[in-house]
């Protein structure tokens, strides 16, 4: 089941060995071990840019994973890949699913805000529709406010955009 490392460096190989040892000695169910293995393999494939393999592993990891916190990170990573692939609506769906299980993922709120902001810009550039653009920008503002509330020192550019556009209250 574990995927072979293609260009793994010493740190990656060492981490993989340690993870395999931990999987053997930590008392967790076989389902949790299976989910972790798929998740780890998904992370490895994703870091190598093999998004199709990463998605396949993440989808497999969601089957046995019952812990909402762990499941949220799997769903978040699925959202990242859909974002990278330009599948923004699908990405939003997975970020929302991740937040349903773990509402303390500021990075998911930020990514959703970035997608909404981008959609607002596209509404202006492609359709010249300021009303739709404003709706997207308002949604982006709400997501950025949530990200900033969770991590006040982060997302400075978003914070500045909220101030400049008078969306920060």
N, C-alpha and C. Protein backbone atom coordinates (compact mmCIF):
# COMPACT_ATOMS: atom_id res chain seq x y z
N UNK A 1 0.81 -1.20 0.00
CA UNK A 1 0.00 0.00 0.00
C UNK A 1 0.85 1.27 0.00
N UNK A 2 1.96 1.36 0.79
CA UNK A 2 2.74 2.59 0.76
C UNK A 2 3.33 2.84 -0.62
N UNK A 3 3.29 4.09 -1.04
CA UNK A 3 3.78 4.44 -2.37
C UNK A 3 5.29 4.58 -2.32
N UNK A 4 5.95 4.22 -3.41
CA UNK A 4 7.40 4.37 -3.46
C UNK A 4 7.77 5.84 -3.58
N UNK A 5 8.85 6.23 -2.97
CA UNK A 5 9.35 7.60 -3.06
C UNK A 5 10.16 7.73 -4.34
N UNK A 6 9.82 8.67 -5.17
CA UNK A 6 10.50 8.84 -6.44
C UNK A 6 11.83 9.58 -6.24
N UNK A 7 11.76 10.78 -5.76
CA UNK A 7 12.96 11.59 -5.56
C UNK A 7 13.09 12.00 -4.11
N UNK A 8 12.81 11.10 -3.21
CA UNK A 8 12.83 11.44 -1.80
C UNK A 8 14.22 11.77 -1.31
N UNK A 9 14.32 12.86 -0.57
CA UNK A 9 15.61 13.20 0.02
C UNK A 9 15.73 12.51 1.38
N UNK A 10 16.83 12.71 2.06
CA UNK A 10 17.08 12.03 3.32
C UNK A 10 16.00 12.35 4.35
N UNK A 11 15.58 13.59 4.42
CA UNK A 11 14.56 13.97 5.40
C UNK A 11 13.24 13.28 5.08
N UNK A 12 12.84 13.26 3.81
CA UNK A 12 11.60 12.60 3.42
C UNK A 12 11.66 11.11 3.74
N UNK A 13 12.79 10.48 3.41
CA UNK A 13 12.93 9.05 3.67
C UNK A 13 12.89 8.76 5.16
N UNK A 14 13.57 9.60 5.94
CA UNK A 14 13.58 9.42 7.40
C UNK A 14 12.17 9.60 7.96
N UNK A 15 11.47 10.62 7.50
CA UNK A 15 10.10 10.85 7.97
C UNK A 15 9.21 9.66 7.64
N UNK A 16 9.40 9.10 6.47
CA UNK A 16 8.60 7.95 6.05
C UNK A 16 8.88 6.75 6.95
N UNK A 17 10.13 6.52 7.28
CA UNK A 17 10.50 5.41 8.15
C UNK A 17 9.91 5.61 9.54
N UNK A 18 10.02 6.82 10.08
CA UNK A 18 9.46 7.12 11.40
C UNK A 18 7.94 6.94 11.39
N UNK A 19 7.28 7.41 10.34
CA UNK A 19 5.82 7.25 10.25
C UNK A 19 5.43 5.78 10.22
N UNK A 20 6.18 4.98 9.49
CA UNK A 20 5.88 3.54 9.43
C UNK A 20 6.08 2.88 10.79
N UNK A 21 7.12 3.26 11.52
CA UNK A 21 7.35 2.71 12.86
C UNK A 21 6.21 3.11 13.79
N UNK A 22 5.83 4.39 13.74
CA UNK A 22 4.74 4.86 14.60
C UNK A 22 3.43 4.13 14.29
N UNK A 23 3.19 3.87 13.01
CA UNK A 23 1.97 3.15 12.64
C UNK A 23 1.94 1.75 13.25
N UNK A 24 3.10 1.16 13.43
CA UNK A 24 3.16 -0.19 14.00
C UNK A 24 3.02 -0.20 15.51
N UNK A 25 3.52 0.85 16.18
CA UNK A 25 3.54 0.79 17.65
C UNK A 25 2.42 1.55 18.34
N UNK A 26 1.84 2.54 17.69
CA UNK A 26 0.76 3.31 18.32
C UNK A 26 -0.52 2.50 18.25
N UNK A 27 -1.20 2.40 19.38
CA UNK A 27 -2.43 1.60 19.40
C UNK A 27 -3.63 2.33 18.77
N UNK A 28 -3.75 2.19 17.45
CA UNK A 28 -4.90 2.75 16.75
C UNK A 28 -5.52 1.65 15.90
N UNK A 29 -6.74 1.88 15.51
CA UNK A 29 -7.46 0.86 14.74
C UNK A 29 -6.85 0.69 13.35
N UNK A 30 -7.18 -0.42 12.73
CA UNK A 30 -6.67 -0.66 11.38
C UNK A 30 -7.23 0.37 10.40
N UNK A 31 -8.47 0.82 10.64
CA UNK A 31 -9.05 1.86 9.78
C UNK A 31 -8.28 3.16 9.88
N UNK A 32 -7.90 3.52 11.11
CA UNK A 32 -7.12 4.75 11.29
C UNK A 32 -5.74 4.63 10.64
N UNK A 33 -5.15 3.45 10.76
CA UNK A 33 -3.84 3.23 10.12
C UNK A 33 -3.97 3.34 8.60
N UNK A 34 -5.03 2.75 8.07
CA UNK A 34 -5.25 2.78 6.63
C UNK A 34 -5.46 4.23 6.17
N UNK A 35 -6.27 4.98 6.91
CA UNK A 35 -6.54 6.37 6.56
C UNK A 35 -5.25 7.19 6.59
N UNK A 36 -4.44 6.98 7.64
CA UNK A 36 -3.18 7.72 7.75
C UNK A 36 -2.24 7.39 6.60
N UNK A 37 -2.17 6.13 6.23
CA UNK A 37 -1.29 5.71 5.14
C UNK A 37 -1.71 6.36 3.83
N UNK A 38 -3.01 6.35 3.56
CA UNK A 38 -3.50 7.00 2.34
C UNK A 38 -3.24 8.51 2.39
N UNK A 39 -3.46 9.11 3.56
CA UNK A 39 -3.24 10.55 3.70
C UNK A 39 -1.76 10.88 3.46
N UNK A 40 -0.88 10.13 4.08
CA UNK A 40 0.56 10.34 3.92
C UNK A 40 0.97 10.18 2.45
N UNK A 41 0.44 9.15 1.80
CA UNK A 41 0.76 8.93 0.39
C UNK A 41 0.20 10.07 -0.48
N UNK A 42 -0.97 10.58 -0.10
CA UNK A 42 -1.55 11.72 -0.81
C UNK A 42 -0.68 12.96 -0.67
N UNK A 43 -0.19 13.20 0.55
CA UNK A 43 0.68 14.35 0.78
C UNK A 43 1.97 14.23 -0.05
N UNK A 44 2.51 13.03 -0.09
CA UNK A 44 3.73 12.80 -0.85
C UNK A 44 3.49 13.05 -2.34
N UNK A 45 2.41 12.49 -2.88
CA UNK A 45 2.10 12.69 -4.30
C UNK A 45 1.83 14.17 -4.58
N UNK A 46 1.13 14.84 -3.68
CA UNK A 46 0.82 16.26 -3.87
C UNK A 46 2.11 17.08 -3.89
N UNK A 47 3.03 16.78 -3.00
CA UNK A 47 4.28 17.55 -2.96
C UNK A 47 5.11 17.34 -4.22
N UNK A 48 4.91 16.20 -4.89
CA UNK A 48 5.61 15.92 -6.14
C UNK A 48 4.86 16.46 -7.35
N UNK A 49 3.68 17.07 -7.12
CA UNK A 49 2.90 17.61 -8.22
C UNK A 49 2.04 16.59 -8.93
N UNK A 50 1.93 15.40 -8.37
CA UNK A 50 1.10 14.35 -8.96
C UNK A 50 -0.29 14.45 -8.34
N UNK A 51 -1.07 15.39 -8.84
CA UNK A 51 -2.36 15.70 -8.23
C UNK A 51 -3.40 14.59 -8.41
N UNK A 52 -3.37 13.90 -9.53
CA UNK A 52 -4.33 12.82 -9.75
C UNK A 52 -4.11 11.71 -8.72
N UNK A 53 -2.87 11.34 -8.49
CA UNK A 53 -2.57 10.31 -7.49
C UNK A 53 -2.89 10.81 -6.09
N UNK A 54 -2.59 12.07 -5.82
CA UNK A 54 -2.88 12.65 -4.51
C UNK A 54 -4.38 12.61 -4.24
N UNK A 55 -5.18 13.03 -5.23
CA UNK A 55 -6.64 12.99 -5.05
C UNK A 55 -7.13 11.58 -4.78
N UNK A 56 -6.61 10.64 -5.53
CA UNK A 56 -7.02 9.25 -5.35
C UNK A 56 -6.73 8.79 -3.91
N UNK A 57 -5.55 9.13 -3.40
CA UNK A 57 -5.20 8.75 -2.04
C UNK A 57 -6.06 9.48 -1.01
N UNK A 58 -6.31 10.76 -1.22
CA UNK A 58 -7.14 11.50 -0.27
C UNK A 58 -8.57 10.95 -0.24
N UNK A 59 -9.13 10.65 -1.41
CA UNK A 59 -10.47 10.08 -1.44
C UNK A 59 -10.50 8.74 -0.69
N UNK A 60 -9.45 7.93 -0.88
CA UNK A 60 -9.37 6.66 -0.16
C UNK A 60 -9.24 6.89 1.34
N UNK A 61 -8.51 7.94 1.73
CA UNK A 61 -8.32 8.23 3.15
C UNK A 61 -9.62 8.64 3.82
N UNK A 62 -10.54 9.25 3.06
CA UNK A 62 -11.80 9.69 3.67
C UNK A 62 -12.70 8.52 4.05
N UNK A 63 -12.53 7.40 3.38
CA UNK A 63 -13.40 6.24 3.66
C UNK A 63 -13.25 5.72 5.08
N UNK A 64 -12.03 5.37 5.52
CA UNK A 64 -11.93 4.83 6.88
C UNK A 64 -11.79 5.89 7.96
N UNK A 65 -11.52 7.16 7.59
CA UNK A 65 -11.27 8.19 8.59
C UNK A 65 -12.56 8.68 9.21
N UNK A 66 -12.69 8.51 10.52
CA UNK A 66 -13.92 8.93 11.21
C UNK A 66 -13.70 10.16 12.10
N UNK A 67 -12.45 10.45 12.43
CA UNK A 67 -12.17 11.60 13.28
C UNK A 67 -12.42 12.89 12.49
N UNK A 68 -13.31 13.76 12.99
CA UNK A 68 -13.66 14.98 12.23
C UNK A 68 -12.45 15.90 12.00
N UNK A 69 -11.58 16.00 12.99
CA UNK A 69 -10.41 16.88 12.86
C UNK A 69 -9.49 16.37 11.76
N UNK A 70 -9.17 15.08 11.79
CA UNK A 70 -8.30 14.51 10.76
C UNK A 70 -8.97 14.57 9.39
N UNK A 71 -10.25 14.29 9.38
CA UNK A 71 -11.00 14.31 8.12
C UNK A 71 -11.00 15.72 7.51
N UNK A 72 -11.03 16.74 8.37
CA UNK A 72 -11.04 18.12 7.87
C UNK A 72 -9.78 18.43 7.07
N UNK A 73 -8.65 17.90 7.50
CA UNK A 73 -7.41 18.17 6.77
C UNK A 73 -7.36 17.41 5.45
N UNK A 74 -7.94 16.24 5.41
CA UNK A 74 -8.02 15.51 4.15
C UNK A 74 -8.87 16.31 3.17
N UNK A 75 -10.03 16.77 3.62
CA UNK A 75 -10.93 17.55 2.76
C UNK A 75 -10.29 18.87 2.34
N UNK A 76 -9.56 19.49 3.26
CA UNK A 76 -8.86 20.73 2.95
C UNK A 76 -7.85 20.49 1.82
N UNK A 77 -7.09 19.41 1.91
CA UNK A 77 -6.10 19.12 0.87
C UNK A 77 -6.75 18.80 -0.46
N UNK A 78 -7.90 18.16 -0.43
CA UNK A 78 -8.64 17.94 -1.68
C UNK A 78 -9.02 19.30 -2.28
N UNK A 79 -9.46 20.22 -1.42
CA UNK A 79 -9.77 21.57 -1.88
C UNK A 79 -8.56 22.26 -2.49
N UNK A 80 -7.39 22.08 -1.89
CA UNK A 80 -6.17 22.68 -2.44
C UNK A 80 -5.89 22.19 -3.85
N UNK A 81 -6.07 20.91 -4.06
CA UNK A 81 -5.79 20.35 -5.39
C UNK A 81 -6.80 20.88 -6.41
N UNK A 82 -8.07 20.93 -6.03
CA UNK A 82 -9.07 21.47 -6.95
C UNK A 82 -8.77 22.94 -7.25
N UNK A 83 -8.28 23.68 -6.26
CA UNK A 83 -7.89 25.07 -6.50
C UNK A 83 -6.74 25.12 -7.51
N UNK A 84 -5.74 24.29 -7.30
CA UNK A 84 -4.59 24.24 -8.21
C UNK A 84 -5.01 23.87 -9.63
N UNK A 85 -6.04 23.05 -9.74
CA UNK A 85 -6.53 22.63 -11.05
C UNK A 85 -7.51 23.62 -11.67
N UNK A 86 -7.78 24.73 -10.97
CA UNK A 86 -8.70 25.73 -11.50
C UNK A 86 -10.17 25.35 -11.35
N UNK A 87 -10.46 24.36 -10.54
CA UNK A 87 -11.84 23.92 -10.29
C UNK A 87 -12.34 24.60 -9.01
N UNK A 88 -12.61 25.90 -9.14
CA UNK A 88 -12.85 26.73 -7.98
C UNK A 88 -14.13 26.40 -7.22
N UNK A 89 -15.19 26.11 -7.93
CA UNK A 89 -16.45 25.80 -7.25
C UNK A 89 -16.32 24.49 -6.47
N UNK A 90 -15.66 23.52 -7.08
CA UNK A 90 -15.42 22.25 -6.41
C UNK A 90 -14.52 22.47 -5.18
N UNK A 91 -13.52 23.32 -5.33
CA UNK A 91 -12.62 23.63 -4.22
C UNK A 91 -13.40 24.26 -3.06
N UNK A 92 -14.28 25.22 -3.39
CA UNK A 92 -15.09 25.84 -2.34
C UNK A 92 -15.91 24.80 -1.58
N UNK A 93 -16.45 23.85 -2.31
CA UNK A 93 -17.24 22.78 -1.69
C UNK A 93 -16.40 22.00 -0.68
N UNK A 94 -15.19 21.65 -1.04
CA UNK A 94 -14.34 20.87 -0.14
C UNK A 94 -13.84 21.70 1.04
N UNK A 95 -13.55 22.98 0.82
CA UNK A 95 -13.16 23.83 1.95
C UNK A 95 -14.32 23.94 2.94
N UNK A 96 -15.54 24.10 2.42
CA UNK A 96 -16.71 24.18 3.31
C UNK A 96 -16.90 22.88 4.08
N UNK A 97 -16.72 21.76 3.41
CA UNK A 97 -16.84 20.46 4.08
C UNK A 97 -15.78 20.32 5.17
N UNK A 98 -14.58 20.82 4.91
CA UNK A 98 -13.51 20.77 5.91
C UNK A 98 -13.90 21.63 7.12
N UNK A 99 -14.45 22.81 6.84
CA UNK A 99 -14.83 23.72 7.93
C UNK A 99 -16.02 23.21 8.74
N UNK A 100 -16.90 22.41 8.14
CA UNK A 100 -17.99 21.80 8.88
C UNK A 100 -17.44 20.89 9.98
N UNK A 101 -16.32 20.27 9.72
CA UNK A 101 -15.73 19.33 10.67
C UNK A 101 -14.74 20.00 11.61
N UNK A 102 -14.16 21.10 11.16
CA UNK A 102 -13.16 21.83 11.95
C UNK A 102 -13.26 23.31 11.60
N UNK A 103 -14.03 24.07 12.36
CA UNK A 103 -14.22 25.49 12.04
C UNK A 103 -13.03 26.39 12.37
N UNK A 104 -11.91 25.77 12.75
CA UNK A 104 -10.72 26.54 13.12
C UNK A 104 -9.59 26.36 12.12
N UNK A 105 -9.94 26.43 10.84
CA UNK A 105 -8.96 26.32 9.76
C UNK A 105 -8.89 27.67 9.03
N UNK A 106 -8.11 28.61 9.55
CA UNK A 106 -8.06 29.92 8.90
C UNK A 106 -7.60 29.84 7.45
N UNK A 107 -6.74 28.86 7.15
CA UNK A 107 -6.26 28.73 5.78
C UNK A 107 -7.38 28.36 4.82
N UNK A 108 -8.37 27.63 5.29
CA UNK A 108 -9.52 27.31 4.43
C UNK A 108 -10.35 28.57 4.18
N UNK A 109 -10.58 29.36 5.23
CA UNK A 109 -11.30 30.62 5.04
C UNK A 109 -10.54 31.53 4.07
N UNK A 110 -9.21 31.62 4.24
CA UNK A 110 -8.42 32.46 3.35
C UNK A 110 -8.51 31.98 1.91
N UNK A 111 -8.38 30.68 1.69
CA UNK A 111 -8.43 30.16 0.32
C UNK A 111 -9.80 30.41 -0.31
N UNK A 112 -10.84 30.27 0.50
CA UNK A 112 -12.19 30.55 -0.01
C UNK A 112 -12.32 32.03 -0.38
N UNK A 113 -11.76 32.89 0.44
CA UNK A 113 -11.81 34.33 0.16
C UNK A 113 -11.05 34.66 -1.13
N UNK A 114 -9.90 34.03 -1.31
CA UNK A 114 -9.10 34.27 -2.52
C UNK A 114 -9.90 33.84 -3.75
N UNK A 115 -10.56 32.70 -3.67
CA UNK A 115 -11.36 32.22 -4.80
C UNK A 115 -12.51 33.20 -5.08
N UNK A 116 -13.20 33.64 -4.02
CA UNK A 116 -14.31 34.57 -4.21
C UNK A 116 -13.83 35.89 -4.80
N UNK A 117 -12.71 36.37 -4.31
CA UNK A 117 -12.15 37.62 -4.84
C UNK A 117 -11.82 37.46 -6.32
N UNK A 118 -11.20 36.34 -6.66
CA UNK A 118 -10.87 36.05 -8.06
C UNK A 118 -12.14 36.00 -8.92
N UNK A 119 -13.18 35.36 -8.42
CA UNK A 119 -14.44 35.27 -9.16
C UNK A 119 -15.04 36.66 -9.36
N UNK A 120 -14.89 37.52 -8.35
CA UNK A 120 -15.36 38.90 -8.49
C UNK A 120 -14.60 39.64 -9.58
N UNK A 121 -13.29 39.46 -9.60
CA UNK A 121 -12.50 40.10 -10.66
C UNK A 121 -12.89 39.57 -12.04
N UNK A 122 -13.14 38.27 -12.12
CA UNK A 122 -13.54 37.67 -13.39
C UNK A 122 -14.91 38.19 -13.84
N UNK A 123 -15.81 38.43 -12.90
CA UNK A 123 -17.13 38.96 -13.26
C UNK A 123 -16.99 40.33 -13.91
N UNK A 124 -16.02 41.11 -13.44
CA UNK A 124 -15.79 42.43 -14.03
C UNK A 124 -15.11 42.29 -15.39
N UNK A 125 -14.04 41.52 -15.44
CA UNK A 125 -13.24 41.41 -16.66
C UNK A 125 -13.98 40.72 -17.80
N UNK A 126 -14.69 39.64 -17.50
CA UNK A 126 -15.31 38.85 -18.56
C UNK A 126 -16.74 39.29 -18.88
N UNK A 127 -17.46 39.77 -17.87
CA UNK A 127 -18.87 40.09 -18.08
C UNK A 127 -19.19 41.56 -17.88
N UNK A 128 -18.27 42.28 -17.26
CA UNK A 128 -18.54 43.68 -16.96
C UNK A 128 -19.67 43.85 -15.96
N UNK A 129 -19.90 42.83 -15.14
CA UNK A 129 -21.04 42.83 -14.22
C UNK A 129 -20.58 43.22 -12.81
N UNK A 130 -20.76 44.49 -12.48
CA UNK A 130 -20.32 44.99 -11.17
C UNK A 130 -21.17 44.45 -10.03
N UNK A 131 -22.43 44.18 -10.28
CA UNK A 131 -23.31 43.67 -9.22
C UNK A 131 -22.87 42.27 -8.77
N UNK A 132 -22.62 41.41 -9.73
CA UNK A 132 -22.14 40.06 -9.40
C UNK A 132 -20.76 40.16 -8.75
N UNK A 133 -19.91 41.02 -9.27
CA UNK A 133 -18.57 41.19 -8.71
C UNK A 133 -18.65 41.62 -7.25
N UNK A 134 -19.51 42.57 -6.95
CA UNK A 134 -19.66 43.04 -5.56
C UNK A 134 -20.14 41.93 -4.64
N UNK A 135 -21.03 41.08 -5.13
CA UNK A 135 -21.50 39.95 -4.32
C UNK A 135 -20.33 39.01 -4.01
N UNK A 136 -19.50 38.73 -5.01
CA UNK A 136 -18.32 37.88 -4.79
C UNK A 136 -17.35 38.56 -3.82
N UNK A 137 -17.13 39.88 -3.98
CA UNK A 137 -16.22 40.59 -3.09
C UNK A 137 -16.74 40.61 -1.66
N UNK A 138 -18.06 40.78 -1.51
CA UNK A 138 -18.65 40.76 -0.16
C UNK A 138 -18.45 39.39 0.50
N UNK A 139 -18.59 38.32 -0.29
CA UNK A 139 -18.38 36.98 0.25
C UNK A 139 -16.91 36.79 0.62
N UNK A 140 -16.02 37.28 -0.22
CA UNK A 140 -14.59 37.20 0.09
C UNK A 140 -14.30 37.91 1.40
N UNK A 141 -14.91 39.07 1.57
CA UNK A 141 -14.71 39.84 2.81
C UNK A 141 -15.13 39.04 4.03
N UNK A 142 -16.27 38.37 3.95
CA UNK A 142 -16.75 37.57 5.09
C UNK A 142 -15.77 36.46 5.42
N UNK A 143 -15.26 35.78 4.41
CA UNK A 143 -14.30 34.71 4.66
C UNK A 143 -12.99 35.25 5.23
N UNK A 144 -12.52 36.39 4.70
CA UNK A 144 -11.29 36.96 5.23
C UNK A 144 -11.47 37.42 6.67
N UNK A 145 -12.62 37.96 7.00
CA UNK A 145 -12.87 38.36 8.39
C UNK A 145 -12.77 37.16 9.32
N UNK A 146 -13.29 36.02 8.88
CA UNK A 146 -13.21 34.82 9.71
C UNK A 146 -11.78 34.32 9.83
N UNK A 147 -11.02 34.37 8.76
CA UNK A 147 -9.61 33.95 8.81
C UNK A 147 -8.83 34.86 9.76
N UNK A 148 -9.07 36.16 9.66
CA UNK A 148 -8.36 37.13 10.49
C UNK A 148 -8.77 36.98 11.95
N UNK A 149 -10.03 36.71 12.21
CA UNK A 149 -10.49 36.51 13.59
C UNK A 149 -9.79 35.31 14.24
N UNK A 150 -9.52 34.27 13.45
CA UNK A 150 -8.85 33.09 13.98
C UNK A 150 -7.35 33.29 14.18
N UNK A 151 -6.74 34.12 13.32
CA UNK A 151 -5.30 34.38 13.40
C UNK A 151 -5.06 35.87 13.15
N UNK A 152 -5.27 36.69 14.19
CA UNK A 152 -5.24 38.15 14.02
C UNK A 152 -3.99 38.73 13.38
N UNK A 153 -2.85 38.15 13.54
CA UNK A 153 -1.63 38.72 12.97
C UNK A 153 -1.38 38.33 11.53
N UNK A 154 -2.18 37.44 11.00
CA UNK A 154 -1.96 36.95 9.63
C UNK A 154 -2.86 37.67 8.63
N UNK A 155 -2.61 37.41 7.38
CA UNK A 155 -3.43 37.90 6.28
C UNK A 155 -3.49 39.43 6.24
N UNK A 156 -2.31 40.04 6.33
CA UNK A 156 -2.19 41.49 6.37
C UNK A 156 -2.74 42.13 5.09
N UNK A 157 -2.43 41.53 3.93
CA UNK A 157 -2.94 42.10 2.67
C UNK A 157 -4.46 42.06 2.63
N UNK A 158 -5.03 40.98 3.11
CA UNK A 158 -6.49 40.88 3.15
C UNK A 158 -7.06 41.93 4.11
N UNK A 159 -6.40 42.10 5.23
CA UNK A 159 -6.84 43.10 6.22
C UNK A 159 -6.81 44.49 5.59
N UNK A 160 -5.75 44.78 4.86
CA UNK A 160 -5.65 46.09 4.19
C UNK A 160 -6.74 46.24 3.12
N UNK A 161 -7.01 45.19 2.36
CA UNK A 161 -8.06 45.24 1.34
C UNK A 161 -9.41 45.50 1.99
N UNK A 162 -9.66 44.86 3.12
CA UNK A 162 -10.92 45.08 3.83
C UNK A 162 -11.06 46.54 4.26
N UNK A 163 -9.96 47.13 4.74
CA UNK A 163 -9.99 48.54 5.15
C UNK A 163 -10.20 49.46 3.95
N UNK A 164 -9.43 49.22 2.89
CA UNK A 164 -9.50 50.09 1.70
C UNK A 164 -10.89 50.05 1.09
N UNK A 165 -11.49 48.87 1.05
CA UNK A 165 -12.81 48.74 0.44
C UNK A 165 -13.94 49.00 1.43
N UNK A 166 -13.58 49.39 2.64
CA UNK A 166 -14.54 49.71 3.70
C UNK A 166 -15.44 48.52 4.04
N UNK A 167 -14.86 47.33 4.00
CA UNK A 167 -15.61 46.13 4.36
C UNK A 167 -15.23 45.63 5.76
N UNK A 168 -14.28 46.29 6.39
CA UNK A 168 -13.83 45.86 7.72
C UNK A 168 -14.61 46.62 8.78
N UNK A 169 -15.21 45.86 9.69
CA UNK A 169 -16.00 46.51 10.76
C UNK A 169 -15.54 46.00 12.10
